[in-house]
Amino acid sequence: AERDRPLTSKLGGVKSPSAPAAGGERRVSLGTIPDYAFPGPGVRVIGTMPGSPAEKAGLRSGDIVVKLGDSAIGSMRDFSNALKAFTPGAKVTVTYRRDGQTRTAEATLVAR
């Protein structure tokens, strides 16, 4: 705390462990709050961000997203990878299960 100049590094060129996975960075958000403990298949929603595409599409706690556009969703990784294919403003069909029934909703994705 008493240093007279900022800390520096000589590690240039080393990738951060939090660098985006191969396949690019996610640029969009659906606005779901996922249940990370849910084993799948699918991604269970425990909530939605206020005003988000997910909330506007009618998704709610307990819904299980099983498809995003043409991509089947078996896990959080599938969900994240599917979102990487979209740009802000893209309209996507979200297929989900609620109370044992399969339903669909349209959502317009927003910038992350």
Protein backbone atom coordinates (compact mmCIF):
# COMPACT_ATOMS: atom_id res chain seq x y z
CA ALA A 1 0.00 0.00 0.00
CA GLU A 2 2.99 2.29 0.38
CA ARG A 3 4.40 1.76 -3.16
CA ASP A 4 5.18 4.94 -5.05
CA ARG A 5 4.42 3.33 -8.45
CA PRO A 6 1.95 0.71 -9.69
CA LEU A 7 2.75 -2.98 -9.86
CA THR A 8 3.84 -4.26 -13.28
CA SER A 9 4.22 -7.68 -14.88
CA LYS A 10 6.75 -9.22 -17.25
CA LEU A 11 4.43 -12.11 -18.19
CA GLY A 12 3.39 -10.60 -21.55
CA GLY A 13 1.60 -12.96 -23.91
CA VAL A 14 0.19 -15.24 -21.22
CA LYS A 15 -3.54 -15.82 -21.58
CA SER A 16 -5.73 -15.11 -18.63
CA PRO A 17 -7.42 -18.19 -17.15
CA SER A 18 -10.72 -16.38 -17.62
CA ALA A 19 -10.16 -15.84 -21.36
CA PRO A 20 -13.17 -16.84 -23.48
CA ALA A 21 -13.36 -20.44 -24.58
CA ALA A 22 -12.63 -21.43 -28.14
CA GLY A 23 -15.48 -20.49 -30.41
CA GLY A 24 -15.56 -16.83 -29.47
CA GLU A 25 -16.99 -14.63 -26.80
CA ARG A 26 -20.66 -14.49 -25.92
CA ARG A 27 -22.03 -11.15 -27.10
CA VAL A 28 -25.67 -11.57 -26.14
CA SER A 29 -27.83 -12.30 -23.13
CA LEU A 30 -31.22 -13.91 -22.72
CA GLY A 31 -31.39 -12.70 -19.12
CA THR A 32 -32.02 -16.01 -17.40
CA ILE A 33 -30.66 -16.83 -13.97
CA PRO A 34 -29.69 -20.51 -14.26
CA ASP A 35 -29.72 -23.19 -11.59
CA TYR A 36 -26.07 -24.27 -11.73
CA ALA A 37 -26.80 -27.34 -9.59
CA PHE A 38 -29.36 -28.74 -12.08
CA PRO A 39 -27.82 -31.84 -13.71
CA GLY A 40 -29.80 -31.55 -16.95
CA PRO A 41 -30.71 -32.28 -19.53
CA GLY A 42 -31.45 -28.66 -20.25
CA VAL A 43 -30.87 -25.54 -18.18
CA ARG A 44 -33.32 -24.91 -15.34
CA VAL A 45 -34.20 -21.26 -14.78
CA ILE A 46 -34.41 -20.02 -11.18
CA GLY A 47 -35.24 -16.47 -12.22
CA THR A 48 -35.00 -13.80 -14.89
CA MET A 49 -33.41 -10.37 -14.88
CA PRO A 50 -35.99 -7.58 -14.71
CA GLY A 51 -36.82 -6.28 -18.21
CA SER A 52 -34.75 -9.02 -19.87
CA PRO A 53 -35.69 -10.90 -23.04
CA ALA A 54 -36.39 -13.97 -20.88
CA GLU A 55 -38.82 -12.05 -18.67
CA LYS A 56 -40.53 -10.47 -21.69
CA ALA A 57 -40.85 -13.93 -23.30
CA GLY A 58 -42.63 -15.23 -20.19
CA LEU A 59 -39.93 -17.55 -18.84
CA ARG A 60 -40.12 -18.08 -15.10
CA SER A 61 -38.56 -20.00 -12.25
CA GLY A 62 -38.71 -23.76 -12.78
CA ASP A 63 -38.73 -23.64 -16.59
CA ILE A 64 -36.13 -25.87 -18.26
CA VAL A 65 -34.65 -24.52 -21.50
CA VAL A 66 -34.10 -27.47 -23.87
CA LYS A 67 -33.52 -25.69 -27.19
CA LEU A 68 -32.32 -22.27 -28.31
CA GLY A 69 -32.96 -21.63 -31.99
CA ASP A 70 -31.79 -24.82 -33.72
CA SER A 71 -29.41 -25.85 -30.91
CA ALA A 72 -30.40 -28.56 -28.44
CA ILE A 73 -29.52 -27.60 -24.86
CA GLY A 74 -28.31 -30.43 -22.67
CA SER A 75 -26.11 -28.43 -20.31
CA MET A 76 -24.93 -24.94 -19.32
CA ARG A 77 -22.05 -25.32 -21.80
CA ASP A 78 -24.53 -26.03 -24.63
CA PHE A 79 -26.54 -22.98 -23.58
CA SER A 80 -23.48 -20.72 -23.57
CA ASN A 81 -22.22 -22.07 -26.89
CA ALA A 82 -25.64 -21.61 -28.49
CA LEU A 83 -25.71 -17.94 -27.40
CA LYS A 84 -22.29 -17.37 -29.04
CA ALA A 85 -23.91 -17.87 -32.45
CA PHE A 86 -26.16 -14.81 -32.06
CA THR A 87 -25.72 -11.06 -32.24
CA PRO A 88 -27.61 -8.41 -30.27
CA GLY A 89 -31.09 -7.89 -31.68
CA ALA A 90 -31.39 -11.45 -33.00
CA LYS A 91 -34.79 -13.07 -32.56
CA VAL A 92 -34.60 -16.61 -31.25
CA THR A 93 -37.13 -19.32 -30.47
CA VAL A 94 -36.68 -20.65 -26.93
CA THR A 95 -38.05 -24.14 -26.37
CA TYR A 96 -38.60 -25.02 -22.72
CA ARG A 97 -40.44 -27.44 -20.46
CA ARG A 98 -42.88 -26.24 -17.83
CA ASP A 99 -44.97 -28.60 -15.71
CA GLY A 100 -44.15 -31.51 -18.01
CA GLN A 101 -45.26 -29.69 -21.19
CA THR A 102 -42.99 -28.45 -23.95
CA ARG A 103 -43.57 -24.81 -24.88
CA THR A 104 -41.94 -22.21 -27.09
CA ALA A 105 -41.44 -18.47 -26.82
CA GLU A 106 -39.80 -15.83 -29.00
CA ALA A 107 -37.11 -13.61 -27.49
CA THR A 108 -35.05 -10.76 -28.91
CA LEU A 109 -31.53 -11.06 -27.51
CA VAL A 110 -29.75 -8.04 -26.05
CA ALA A 111 -26.07 -7.08 -25.82
CA ARG A 112 -24.25 -8.60 -22.90
